[in-house]
Amino acid sequence: MTSLIRAGLFGATLLTLAACASKDKDRFAGVDSDYVLGTPLPERNEGVSFFGSNVSRSEFPPIYFAFDSYTISPSEMTKVQQIASSLRERNNDVIIAGFTDNRGTEEYNRGLGERRAQAVRSALINYGVNADRLQTVSFGEEMPADPRDNEEAWAKNRRAEFGVVR
């Protein structure tokens, strides 16, 4: 009898977890850790790191985001279009790194940074950049562009940056 109760509780737990996962998937509308709008992430390149010596991080300007958002504003989308145009003319792989300000938990900020990086990846794909060339990573609140605690600094820290693999 006890094993029957355990099996029932286990089944109920699985159903609850599946329902929660479904809600999260809907909440992030096409953005999850493995796919962006149905486009799978490519395999990670061995020996390639966003901060590696074979990665140039100064070729493109950062894309900035509003507080607690991973939506790309129209003014920032103009930058994304220009970056896409440049990337379509080359064959380099690109790592898109998402960052946040220091408000919120470390776990939440890591997730928000990932959603920002994936939103930029999705936009680049929509503008014709090959999905197999685009990798994402999140640093959350780590490595702020501006370490101060004020609105100006927080705005600089809510960003996605590009690393072009040489």
C-alpha atoms as a PDB file:
ATOM      1  CA  MET A   1       0.000   0.000   0.000  1.00  0.00           C
ATOM      2  CA  THR A   2       2.811   2.412   0.899  1.00  0.00           C
ATOM      3  CA  SER A   3       4.461   1.913  -2.494  1.00  0.00           C
ATOM      4  CA  LEU A   4       1.134   2.740  -4.169  1.00  0.00           C
ATOM      5  CA  ILE A   5       0.932   6.036  -2.262  1.00  0.00           C
ATOM      6  CA  ARG A   6       4.550   6.847  -3.130  1.00  0.00           C
ATOM      7  CA  ALA A   7       3.889   6.119  -6.811  1.00  0.00           C
ATOM      8  CA  GLY A   8       0.841   8.394  -6.714  1.00  0.00           C
ATOM      9  CA  LEU A   9       2.807  11.221  -5.055  1.00  0.00           C
ATOM     10  CA  PHE A  10       5.655  10.779  -7.530  1.00  0.00           C
ATOM     11  CA  GLY A  11       3.207  10.975 -10.454  1.00  0.00           C
ATOM     12  CA  ALA A  12       1.552  14.094  -9.010  1.00  0.00           C
ATOM     13  CA  THR A  13       4.963  15.703  -8.545  1.00  0.00           C
ATOM     14  CA  LEU A  14       5.900  14.985 -12.162  1.00  0.00           C
ATOM     15  CA  LEU A  15       2.643  16.488 -13.408  1.00  0.00           C
ATOM     16  CA  THR A  16       3.201  19.611 -11.289  1.00  0.00           C
ATOM     17  CA  LEU A  17       6.747  20.021 -12.608  1.00  0.00           C
ATOM     18  CA  ALA A  18       5.553  19.581 -16.187  1.00  0.00           C
ATOM     19  CA  ALA A  19       2.860  22.233 -15.677  1.00  0.00           C
ATOM     20  CA  CYS A  20       5.411  24.666 -14.218  1.00  0.00           C
ATOM     21  CA  ALA A  21       7.792  24.056 -17.124  1.00  0.00           C
ATOM     22  CA  SER A  22       4.970  24.683 -19.571  1.00  0.00           C
ATOM     23  CA  LYS A  23       4.116  27.990 -17.871  1.00  0.00           C
ATOM     24  CA  ASP A  24       7.768  29.111 -17.978  1.00  0.00           C
ATOM     25  CA  LYS A  25       8.018  28.220 -21.656  1.00  0.00           C
ATOM     26  CA  ASP A  26       4.926  30.329 -22.383  1.00  0.00           C
ATOM     27  CA  ARG A  27       6.247  33.151 -20.212  1.00  0.00           C
ATOM     28  CA  PHE A  28       9.462  33.434 -22.187  1.00  0.00           C
ATOM     29  CA  ALA A  29       7.763  33.112 -25.591  1.00  0.00           C
ATOM     30  CA  GLY A  30      10.218  31.116 -27.654  1.00  0.00           C
ATOM     31  CA  VAL A  31      13.274  31.662 -25.455  1.00  0.00           C
ATOM     32  CA  ASP A  32      14.707  28.764 -23.471  1.00  0.00           C
ATOM     33  CA  SER A  33      18.155  27.395 -22.758  1.00  0.00           C
ATOM     34  CA  ASP A  34      18.378  25.081 -25.781  1.00  0.00           C
ATOM     35  CA  TYR A  35      16.255  26.755 -28.434  1.00  0.00           C
ATOM     36  CA  VAL A  36      15.455  30.268 -29.554  1.00  0.00           C
ATOM     37  CA  LEU A  37      12.296  30.414 -31.650  1.00  0.00           C
ATOM     38  CA  GLY A  38      12.819  26.762 -32.503  1.00  0.00           C
ATOM     39  CA  THR A  39      16.472  27.230 -33.515  1.00  0.00           C
ATOM     40  CA  PRO A  40      18.762  24.922 -31.518  1.00  0.00           C
ATOM     41  CA  LEU A  41      21.973  26.269 -30.079  1.00  0.00           C
ATOM     42  CA  PRO A  42      25.103  24.925 -31.786  1.00  0.00           C
ATOM     43  CA  GLU A  43      27.585  22.775 -29.890  1.00  0.00           C
ATOM     44  CA  ARG A  44      30.055  24.745 -27.774  1.00  0.00           C
ATOM     45  CA  ASN A  45      33.424  25.286 -29.437  1.00  0.00           C
ATOM     46  CA  GLU A  46      36.218  23.617 -27.488  1.00  0.00           C
ATOM     47  CA  GLY A  47      38.869  26.058 -26.309  1.00  0.00           C
ATOM     48  CA  VAL A  48      36.734  29.126 -27.012  1.00  0.00           C
ATOM     49  CA  SER A  49      35.793  31.410 -24.149  1.00  0.00           C
ATOM     50  CA  PHE A  50      34.208  34.865 -24.208  1.00  0.00           C
ATOM     51  CA  PHE A  51      37.306  36.151 -22.407  1.00  0.00           C
ATOM     52  CA  GLY A  52      39.788  34.038 -24.398  1.00  0.00           C
ATOM     53  CA  SER A  53      42.703  35.528 -26.297  1.00  0.00           C
ATOM     54  CA  ASN A  54      41.189  34.321 -29.584  1.00  0.00           C
ATOM     55  CA  VAL A  55      38.002  36.384 -29.049  1.00  0.00           C
ATOM     56  CA  SER A  56      37.697  40.072 -29.940  1.00  0.00           C
ATOM     57  CA  ARG A  57      35.223  41.868 -27.692  1.00  0.00           C
ATOM     58  CA  SER A  58      35.553  45.376 -29.110  1.00  0.00           C
ATOM     59  CA  GLU A  59      34.200  45.030 -32.659  1.00  0.00           C
ATOM     60  CA  PHE A  60      30.562  45.847 -31.881  1.00  0.00           C
ATOM     61  CA  PRO A  61      28.787  48.139 -29.419  1.00  0.00           C
ATOM     62  CA  PRO A  62      26.769  46.623 -26.574  1.00  0.00           C
ATOM     63  CA  ILE A  63      22.998  46.276 -26.815  1.00  0.00           C
ATOM     64  CA  TYR A  64      21.341  47.884 -23.776  1.00  0.00           C
ATOM     65  CA  PHE A  65      18.109  46.815 -22.062  1.00  0.00           C
ATOM     66  CA  ALA A  66      15.512  48.386 -19.797  1.00  0.00           C
ATOM     67  CA  PHE A  67      15.286  47.327 -16.159  1.00  0.00           C
ATOM     68  CA  ASP A  68      14.112  43.722 -15.692  1.00  0.00           C
ATOM     69  CA  SER A  69      13.614  43.270 -19.453  1.00  0.00           C
ATOM     70  CA  TYR A  70      15.063  41.241 -22.296  1.00  0.00           C
ATOM     71  CA  THR A  71      13.066  43.078 -24.973  1.00  0.00           C
ATOM     72  CA  ILE A  72      15.258  44.888 -27.500  1.00  0.00           C
ATOM     73  CA  SER A  73      14.104  48.492 -27.887  1.00  0.00           C
ATOM     74  CA  PRO A  74      13.702  50.005 -31.383  1.00  0.00           C
ATOM     75  CA  SER A  75      16.839  52.159 -30.982  1.00  0.00           C
ATOM     76  CA  GLU A  76      18.906  49.139 -29.928  1.00  0.00           C
ATOM     77  CA  MET A  77      17.374  47.050 -32.736  1.00  0.00           C
ATOM     78  CA  THR A  78      18.998  49.483 -35.194  1.00  0.00           C
ATOM     79  CA  LYS A  79      22.377  48.459 -33.734  1.00  0.00           C
ATOM     80  CA  VAL A  80      21.427  44.786 -34.022  1.00  0.00           C
ATOM     81  CA  GLN A  81      20.590  45.294 -37.721  1.00  0.00           C
ATOM     82  CA  GLN A  82      23.987  46.919 -38.335  1.00  0.00           C
ATOM     83  CA  ILE A  83      25.776  44.114 -36.499  1.00  0.00           C
ATOM     84  CA  ALA A  84      23.830  41.502 -38.500  1.00  0.00           C
ATOM     85  CA  SER A  85      24.796  43.215 -41.746  1.00  0.00           C
ATOM     86  CA  SER A  86      28.464  43.045 -40.775  1.00  0.00           C
ATOM     87  CA  LEU A  87      28.239  39.423 -39.610  1.00  0.00           C
ATOM     88  CA  ARG A  88      26.547  38.253 -42.812  1.00  0.00           C
ATOM     89  CA  GLU A  89      29.675  39.366 -44.713  1.00  0.00           C
ATOM     90  CA  ARG A  90      32.017  37.159 -42.651  1.00  0.00           C
ATOM     91  CA  ASN A  91      32.301  33.627 -41.365  1.00  0.00           C
ATOM     92  CA  ASN A  92      33.370  34.225 -37.752  1.00  0.00           C
ATOM     93  CA  ASP A  93      31.542  32.562 -34.886  1.00  0.00           C
ATOM     94  CA  VAL A  94      30.149  34.972 -32.296  1.00  0.00           C
ATOM     95  CA  ILE A  95      29.550  34.629 -28.568  1.00  0.00           C
ATOM     96  CA  ILE A  96      26.767  36.844 -27.236  1.00  0.00           C
ATOM     97  CA  ALA A  97      27.137  37.514 -23.501  1.00  0.00           C
ATOM     98  CA  GLY A  98      24.227  38.742 -21.396  1.00  0.00           C
ATOM     99  CA  PHE A  99      24.715  40.927 -18.314  1.00  0.00           C
ATOM    100  CA  THR A 100      22.468  42.544 -15.700  1.00  0.00           C
ATOM    101  CA  ASP A 101      22.728  45.159 -13.003  1.00  0.00           C
ATOM    102  CA  ASN A 102      23.207  43.993  -9.415  1.00  0.00           C
ATOM    103  CA  ARG A 103      19.569  44.239  -8.335  1.00  0.00           C
ATOM    104  CA  GLY A 104      17.868  40.866  -7.911  1.00  0.00           C
ATOM    105  CA  THR A 105      19.195  37.503  -6.847  1.00  0.00           C
ATOM    106  CA  GLU A 106      22.257  35.996  -8.453  1.00  0.00           C
ATOM    107  CA  GLU A 107      20.157  33.153  -9.887  1.00  0.00           C
ATOM    108  CA  TYR A 108      17.512  35.487 -11.318  1.00  0.00           C
ATOM    109  CA  ASN A 109      20.148  37.748 -12.860  1.00  0.00           C
ATOM    110  CA  ARG A 110      21.958  34.804 -14.451  1.00  0.00           C
ATOM    111  CA  GLY A 111      18.669  33.760 -16.089  1.00  0.00           C
ATOM    112  CA  LEU A 112      17.853  37.310 -17.193  1.00  0.00           C
ATOM    113  CA  GLY A 113      21.334  37.682 -18.692  1.00  0.00           C
ATOM    114  CA  GLU A 114      20.777  34.463 -20.648  1.00  0.00           C
ATOM    115  CA  ARG A 115      17.378  35.656 -21.910  1.00  0.00           C
ATOM    116  CA  ARG A 116      18.996  38.929 -23.062  1.00  0.00           C
ATOM    117  CA  ALA A 117      21.746  37.085 -24.925  1.00  0.00           C
ATOM    118  CA  GLN A 118      19.187  34.775 -26.516  1.00  0.00           C
ATOM    119  CA  ALA A 119      16.932  37.688 -27.516  1.00  0.00           C
ATOM    120  CA  VAL A 120      19.878  39.252 -29.369  1.00  0.00           C
ATOM    121  CA  ARG A 121      20.729  35.869 -30.937  1.00  0.00           C
ATOM    122  CA  SER A 122      17.141  35.500 -32.130  1.00  0.00           C
ATOM    123  CA  ALA A 123      17.160  39.004 -33.647  1.00  0.00           C
ATOM    124  CA  LEU A 124      20.436  38.312 -35.467  1.00  0.00           C
ATOM    125  CA  ILE A 125      18.979  35.080 -36.865  1.00  0.00           C
ATOM    126  CA  ASN A 126      15.897  37.004 -38.014  1.00  0.00           C
ATOM    127  CA  TYR A 127      18.249  39.397 -39.867  1.00  0.00           C
ATOM    128  CA  GLY A 128      19.938  36.547 -41.716  1.00  0.00           C
ATOM    129  CA  VAL A 129      22.908  35.524 -39.558  1.00  0.00           C
ATOM    130  CA  ASN A 130      23.484  31.757 -39.565  1.00  0.00           C
ATOM    131  CA  ALA A 131      22.299  30.316 -36.232  1.00  0.00           C
ATOM    132  CA  ASP A 132      25.174  27.820 -36.139  1.00  0.00           C
ATOM    133  CA  ARG A 133      27.613  30.707 -35.715  1.00  0.00           C
ATOM    134  CA  LEU A 134      25.894  32.227 -32.655  1.00  0.00           C
ATOM    135  CA  GLN A 135      26.558  31.037 -29.099  1.00  0.00           C
ATOM    136  CA  THR A 136      25.175  32.581 -25.892  1.00  0.00           C
ATOM    137  CA  VAL A 137      26.458  32.875 -22.351  1.00  0.00           C
ATOM    138  CA  SER A 138      25.251  34.736 -19.264  1.00  0.00           C
ATOM    139  CA  PHE A 139      27.357  36.433 -16.639  1.00  0.00           C
ATOM    140  CA  GLY A 140      24.369  37.957 -14.832  1.00  0.00           C
ATOM    141  CA  GLU A 141      25.514  40.665 -12.452  1.00  0.00           C
ATOM    142  CA  GLU A 142      29.158  39.561 -12.555  1.00  0.00           C
ATOM    143  CA  MET A 143      31.611  41.862 -14.355  1.00  0.00           C
ATOM    144  CA  PRO A 144      29.687  45.138 -14.342  1.00  0.00           C
ATOM    145  CA  ALA A 145      30.640  47.744 -16.941  1.00  0.00           C
ATOM    146  CA  ASP A 146      30.222  50.337 -14.161  1.00  0.00           C
ATOM    147  CA  PRO A 147      30.532  49.139 -10.531  1.00  0.00           C
ATOM    148  CA  ARG A 148      28.700  52.076  -8.945  1.00  0.00           C
ATOM    149  CA  ASP A 149      25.235  51.722  -7.393  1.00  0.00           C
ATOM    150  CA  ASN A 150      23.141  54.315  -9.192  1.00  0.00           C
ATOM    151  CA  GLU A 151      20.766  54.496 -12.150  1.00  0.00           C
ATOM    152  CA  GLU A 152      23.459  55.594 -14.626  1.00  0.00           C
ATOM    153  CA  ALA A 153      25.681  52.627 -13.712  1.00  0.00           C
ATOM    154  CA  TRP A 154      22.792  50.149 -13.674  1.00  0.00           C
ATOM    155  CA  ALA A 155      21.769  51.261 -17.179  1.00  0.00           C
ATOM    156  CA  LYS A 156      25.309  50.546 -18.464  1.00  0.00           C
ATOM    157  CA  ASN A 157      25.294  47.105 -16.860  1.00  0.00           C
ATOM    158  CA  ARG A 158      22.023  45.911 -18.427  1.00  0.00           C
ATOM    159  CA  ARG A 159      23.542  44.786 -21.715  1.00  0.00           C
ATOM    160  CA  ALA A 160      24.538  42.119 -24.188  1.00  0.00           C
ATOM    161  CA  GLU A 161      28.081  42.169 -25.564  1.00  0.00           C
ATOM    162  CA  PHE A 162      29.641  40.431 -28.553  1.00  0.00           C
ATOM    163  CA  GLY A 163      32.772  38.332 -28.740  1.00  0.00           C
ATOM    164  CA  VAL A 164      33.936  37.596 -32.282  1.00  0.00           C
ATOM    165  CA  VAL A 165      35.995  34.415 -32.510  1.00  0.00           C
ATOM    166  CA  ARG A 166      39.111  34.935 -34.636  1.00  0.00           C
END
